[in-house]
Amino acid sequence: MFVYFLRSGNKGAIKIGLARNVQKRMEVLQAGNAFELKLLAVIPCKSRKEAEWIEERLHKRFHKQRIRGEWFQGNIEIKRIRDEFEEVNTHIS
């Protein structure tokens, strides 16, 4: 399971979601998106529970930047977030 960050176009909205197969998820999302989706980062998770926990925290953290659903705007420091949650996921069972 993975938590992923996708960008719509070069400077567009960022989707924070979860998937078992990120490539297949991107293909499905791309069909309904006018701009090319770009994979920015993934956070590997040991379980669906862990992925849901991380995704929920990220959605709460960026709630003021939410456009709609799982799409967010503005600056999201992905490297810092990935590093932070890679440390955390060793403590979630």
N, C-alpha and C. Protein backbone atom coordinates (compact mmCIF):
# COMPACT_ATOMS: atom_id res chain seq x y z
N MET A 1 0.85 -1.18 0.00
CA MET A 1 0.00 0.00 0.00
C MET A 1 0.90 1.24 0.00
N PHE A 2 0.44 2.27 -0.67
CA PHE A 2 1.21 3.51 -0.78
C PHE A 2 0.29 4.72 -0.58
N VAL A 3 0.84 5.76 0.03
CA VAL A 3 0.23 7.08 -0.02
C VAL A 3 1.00 7.80 -1.11
N TYR A 4 0.29 8.43 -2.04
CA TYR A 4 0.96 9.06 -3.17
C TYR A 4 0.59 10.54 -3.27
N PHE A 5 1.46 11.27 -3.96
CA PHE A 5 1.27 12.68 -4.25
C PHE A 5 1.37 12.84 -5.76
N LEU A 6 0.30 13.29 -6.39
CA LEU A 6 0.27 13.54 -7.83
C LEU A 6 0.02 15.02 -8.08
N ARG A 7 0.67 15.56 -9.10
CA ARG A 7 0.41 16.94 -9.50
C ARG A 7 -0.26 16.94 -10.86
N SER A 8 -1.26 17.79 -10.99
CA SER A 8 -1.94 17.98 -12.26
C SER A 8 -1.24 19.08 -13.03
N GLY A 9 -0.54 18.72 -14.09
CA GLY A 9 0.22 19.71 -14.85
C GLY A 9 1.49 20.09 -14.13
N ASN A 10 2.11 21.20 -14.58
CA ASN A 10 3.38 21.63 -14.00
C ASN A 10 3.24 22.35 -12.67
N LYS A 11 2.15 23.09 -12.51
CA LYS A 11 1.99 23.87 -11.28
C LYS A 11 0.57 23.75 -10.73
N GLY A 12 -0.13 22.69 -11.11
CA GLY A 12 -1.53 22.51 -10.73
C GLY A 12 -1.71 21.93 -9.34
N ALA A 13 -2.93 21.51 -9.11
CA ALA A 13 -3.32 20.94 -7.82
C ALA A 13 -2.57 19.64 -7.55
N ILE A 14 -2.47 19.31 -6.27
CA ILE A 14 -1.81 18.09 -5.83
C ILE A 14 -2.85 17.18 -5.20
N LYS A 15 -2.86 15.93 -5.62
CA LYS A 15 -3.75 14.92 -5.05
C LYS A 15 -2.96 14.09 -4.06
N ILE A 16 -3.51 13.94 -2.87
CA ILE A 16 -2.94 13.06 -1.86
C ILE A 16 -3.91 11.90 -1.70
N GLY A 17 -3.47 10.72 -2.11
CA GLY A 17 -4.36 9.57 -2.06
C GLY A 17 -3.61 8.32 -1.67
N LEU A 18 -4.31 7.18 -1.71
CA LEU A 18 -3.67 5.91 -1.40
C LEU A 18 -4.06 4.88 -2.44
N ALA A 19 -3.17 3.94 -2.67
CA ALA A 19 -3.40 2.90 -3.67
C ALA A 19 -2.44 1.75 -3.44
N ARG A 20 -2.88 0.57 -3.87
CA ARG A 20 -1.98 -0.58 -3.89
C ARG A 20 -1.04 -0.48 -5.08
N ASN A 21 -1.58 -0.06 -6.21
CA ASN A 21 -0.81 0.05 -7.45
C ASN A 21 -0.94 1.50 -7.92
N VAL A 22 0.06 2.29 -7.64
CA VAL A 22 0.02 3.73 -7.94
C VAL A 22 -0.04 3.96 -9.45
N GLN A 23 0.67 3.19 -10.23
CA GLN A 23 0.66 3.37 -11.69
C GLN A 23 -0.74 3.16 -12.26
N LYS A 24 -1.43 2.12 -11.84
CA LYS A 24 -2.80 1.88 -12.32
C LYS A 24 -3.73 2.99 -11.86
N ARG A 25 -3.55 3.46 -10.63
CA ARG A 25 -4.39 4.55 -10.12
C ARG A 25 -4.16 5.80 -10.96
N MET A 26 -2.92 6.09 -11.30
CA MET A 26 -2.61 7.25 -12.15
C MET A 26 -3.29 7.13 -13.51
N GLU A 27 -3.29 5.95 -14.08
CA GLU A 27 -3.92 5.74 -15.39
C GLU A 27 -5.41 6.03 -15.33
N VAL A 28 -6.07 5.58 -14.27
CA VAL A 28 -7.51 5.83 -14.10
C VAL A 28 -7.76 7.33 -13.94
N LEU A 29 -6.98 7.98 -13.09
CA LEU A 29 -7.16 9.41 -12.86
C LEU A 29 -6.83 10.24 -14.09
N GLN A 30 -5.84 9.80 -14.86
CA GLN A 30 -5.42 10.55 -16.04
C GLN A 30 -6.54 10.63 -17.07
N ALA A 31 -7.35 9.59 -17.16
CA ALA A 31 -8.44 9.57 -18.14
C ALA A 31 -9.41 10.73 -17.93
N GLY A 32 -9.54 11.20 -16.70
CA GLY A 32 -10.48 12.29 -16.42
C GLY A 32 -9.79 13.62 -16.16
N ASN A 33 -8.52 13.74 -16.48
CA ASN A 33 -7.78 14.96 -16.19
C ASN A 33 -7.21 15.54 -17.49
N ALA A 34 -7.46 16.79 -17.71
CA ALA A 34 -7.00 17.44 -18.94
C ALA A 34 -5.48 17.65 -18.98
N PHE A 35 -4.86 17.73 -17.80
CA PHE A 35 -3.42 17.96 -17.71
C PHE A 35 -2.71 16.65 -17.38
N GLU A 36 -1.45 16.54 -17.82
CA GLU A 36 -0.66 15.36 -17.50
C GLU A 36 -0.45 15.26 -16.00
N LEU A 37 -0.71 14.09 -15.43
CA LEU A 37 -0.45 13.87 -14.01
C LEU A 37 1.00 13.46 -13.83
N LYS A 38 1.63 14.03 -12.81
CA LYS A 38 3.03 13.74 -12.52
C LYS A 38 3.13 13.20 -11.10
N LEU A 39 3.78 12.06 -10.97
CA LEU A 39 3.98 11.46 -9.65
C LEU A 39 5.11 12.22 -8.95
N LEU A 40 4.79 12.82 -7.82
CA LEU A 40 5.79 13.58 -7.07
C LEU A 40 6.51 12.73 -6.03
N ALA A 41 5.76 11.86 -5.35
CA ALA A 41 6.36 11.03 -4.30
C ALA A 41 5.38 9.97 -3.86
N VAL A 42 5.92 8.94 -3.22
CA VAL A 42 5.10 7.92 -2.58
C VAL A 42 5.67 7.64 -1.19
N ILE A 43 4.78 7.28 -0.29
CA ILE A 43 5.19 6.82 1.03
C ILE A 43 4.78 5.35 1.11
N PRO A 44 5.75 4.43 1.15
CA PRO A 44 5.40 3.02 1.27
C PRO A 44 4.82 2.73 2.65
N CYS A 45 3.78 1.93 2.70
CA CYS A 45 3.11 1.60 3.95
C CYS A 45 3.05 0.08 4.11
N LYS A 46 3.08 -0.36 5.35
CA LYS A 46 3.05 -1.80 5.63
C LYS A 46 1.66 -2.39 5.51
N SER A 47 0.63 -1.55 5.62
CA SER A 47 -0.74 -2.06 5.59
C SER A 47 -1.68 -0.96 5.11
N ARG A 48 -2.91 -1.36 4.80
CA ARG A 48 -3.93 -0.38 4.43
C ARG A 48 -4.23 0.54 5.61
N LYS A 49 -4.25 -0.02 6.81
CA LYS A 49 -4.50 0.76 8.02
C LYS A 49 -3.48 1.89 8.16
N GLU A 50 -2.23 1.56 7.95
CA GLU A 50 -1.17 2.56 8.03
C GLU A 50 -1.35 3.63 6.96
N ALA A 51 -1.66 3.22 5.73
CA ALA A 51 -1.85 4.17 4.63
C ALA A 51 -3.03 5.10 4.91
N GLU A 52 -4.12 4.54 5.42
CA GLU A 52 -5.29 5.37 5.75
C GLU A 52 -4.96 6.36 6.86
N TRP A 53 -4.19 5.93 7.84
CA TRP A 53 -3.80 6.80 8.96
C TRP A 53 -2.97 7.98 8.45
N ILE A 54 -1.98 7.70 7.60
CA ILE A 54 -1.12 8.76 7.06
C ILE A 54 -1.93 9.69 6.17
N GLU A 55 -2.73 9.13 5.27
CA GLU A 55 -3.54 9.94 4.37
C GLU A 55 -4.47 10.87 5.15
N GLU A 56 -5.11 10.34 6.17
CA GLU A 56 -6.03 11.16 6.99
C GLU A 56 -5.29 12.32 7.66
N ARG A 57 -4.12 12.07 8.20
CA ARG A 57 -3.34 13.14 8.84
C ARG A 57 -2.93 14.21 7.84
N LEU A 58 -2.54 13.79 6.65
CA LEU A 58 -2.15 14.76 5.62
C LEU A 58 -3.35 15.59 5.18
N HIS A 59 -4.49 14.97 5.00
CA HIS A 59 -5.69 15.72 4.61
C HIS A 59 -6.07 16.73 5.68
N LYS A 60 -5.94 16.35 6.95
CA LYS A 60 -6.23 17.29 8.04
C LYS A 60 -5.21 18.42 8.07
N ARG A 61 -3.96 18.09 7.87
CA ARG A 61 -2.89 19.10 7.91
C ARG A 61 -3.10 20.18 6.85
N PHE A 62 -3.55 19.78 5.68
CA PHE A 62 -3.70 20.72 4.57
C PHE A 62 -5.15 21.10 4.29
N HIS A 63 -6.02 20.97 5.28
CA HIS A 63 -7.45 21.24 5.07
C HIS A 63 -7.71 22.66 4.55
N LYS A 64 -6.91 23.62 4.94
CA LYS A 64 -7.12 25.00 4.47
C LYS A 64 -6.72 25.16 2.99
N GLN A 65 -5.97 24.21 2.48
CA GLN A 65 -5.53 24.26 1.09
C GLN A 65 -6.37 23.35 0.19
N ARG A 66 -7.39 22.72 0.76
CA ARG A 66 -8.23 21.79 0.00
C ARG A 66 -9.02 22.53 -1.07
N ILE A 67 -8.99 21.99 -2.27
CA ILE A 67 -9.81 22.50 -3.37
C ILE A 67 -11.12 21.72 -3.37
N ARG A 68 -10.98 20.40 -3.45
CA ARG A 68 -12.13 19.51 -3.45
C ARG A 68 -11.62 18.10 -3.21
N GLY A 69 -12.32 17.35 -2.39
CA GLY A 69 -11.93 15.95 -2.16
C GLY A 69 -10.50 15.81 -1.69
N GLU A 70 -9.72 15.10 -2.47
CA GLU A 70 -8.31 14.84 -2.13
C GLU A 70 -7.35 15.74 -2.88
N TRP A 71 -7.85 16.81 -3.47
CA TRP A 71 -7.03 17.75 -4.25
C TRP A 71 -6.75 19.01 -3.44
N PHE A 72 -5.47 19.41 -3.45
CA PHE A 72 -5.00 20.53 -2.65
C PHE A 72 -4.21 21.50 -3.51
N GLN A 73 -4.15 22.76 -3.07
CA GLN A 73 -3.39 23.78 -3.79
C GLN A 73 -2.30 24.33 -2.88
N GLY A 74 -1.35 25.03 -3.50
CA GLY A 74 -0.31 25.71 -2.73
C GLY A 74 0.90 24.83 -2.48
N ASN A 75 1.75 25.31 -1.60
CA ASN A 75 3.01 24.66 -1.31
C ASN A 75 2.81 23.50 -0.34
N ILE A 76 3.23 22.34 -0.76
CA ILE A 76 3.23 21.15 0.10
C ILE A 76 4.64 20.60 0.04
N GLU A 77 5.35 20.66 1.16
CA GLU A 77 6.75 20.24 1.22
C GLU A 77 6.84 18.72 1.27
N ILE A 78 6.84 18.12 0.11
CA ILE A 78 6.70 16.67 0.01
C ILE A 78 7.89 15.93 0.60
N LYS A 79 9.10 16.38 0.36
CA LYS A 79 10.26 15.66 0.91
C LYS A 79 10.20 15.63 2.43
N ARG A 80 9.89 16.75 3.04
CA ARG A 80 9.80 16.80 4.50
C ARG A 80 8.70 15.88 5.02
N ILE A 81 7.57 15.90 4.34
CA ILE A 81 6.44 15.04 4.74
C ILE A 81 6.82 13.57 4.61
N ARG A 82 7.41 13.22 3.49
CA ARG A 82 7.80 11.82 3.27
C ARG A 82 8.77 11.36 4.35
N ASP A 83 9.76 12.19 4.66
CA ASP A 83 10.72 11.84 5.71
C ASP A 83 10.03 11.68 7.06
N GLU A 84 9.13 12.59 7.37
CA GLU A 84 8.41 12.55 8.65
C GLU A 84 7.59 11.26 8.78
N PHE A 85 6.85 10.89 7.75
CA PHE A 85 5.99 9.72 7.83
C PHE A 85 6.75 8.42 7.66
N GLU A 86 7.90 8.44 7.03
CA GLU A 86 8.72 7.22 6.98
C GLU A 86 9.22 6.86 8.37
N GLU A 87 9.48 7.88 9.21
CA GLU A 87 9.86 7.62 10.60
C GLU A 87 8.66 7.07 11.38
N VAL A 88 7.50 7.64 11.15
CA VAL A 88 6.29 7.26 11.89
C VAL A 88 5.86 5.85 11.54
N ASN A 89 5.96 5.45 10.26
CA ASN A 89 5.36 4.18 9.88
C ASN A 89 6.06 2.97 10.50
N THR A 90 7.17 3.16 11.16
CA THR A 90 7.77 2.05 11.89
C THR A 90 7.05 1.80 13.21
N HIS A 91 6.20 2.75 13.65
CA HIS A 91 5.51 2.63 14.93
C HIS A 91 4.03 2.27 14.79
N ILE A 92 3.53 2.16 13.59
CA ILE A 92 2.11 1.86 13.37
C ILE A 92 1.98 0.38 13.01
N SER A 93 1.06 -0.29 13.64
CA SER A 93 0.88 -1.73 13.31
C SER A 93 -0.48 -1.96 12.70
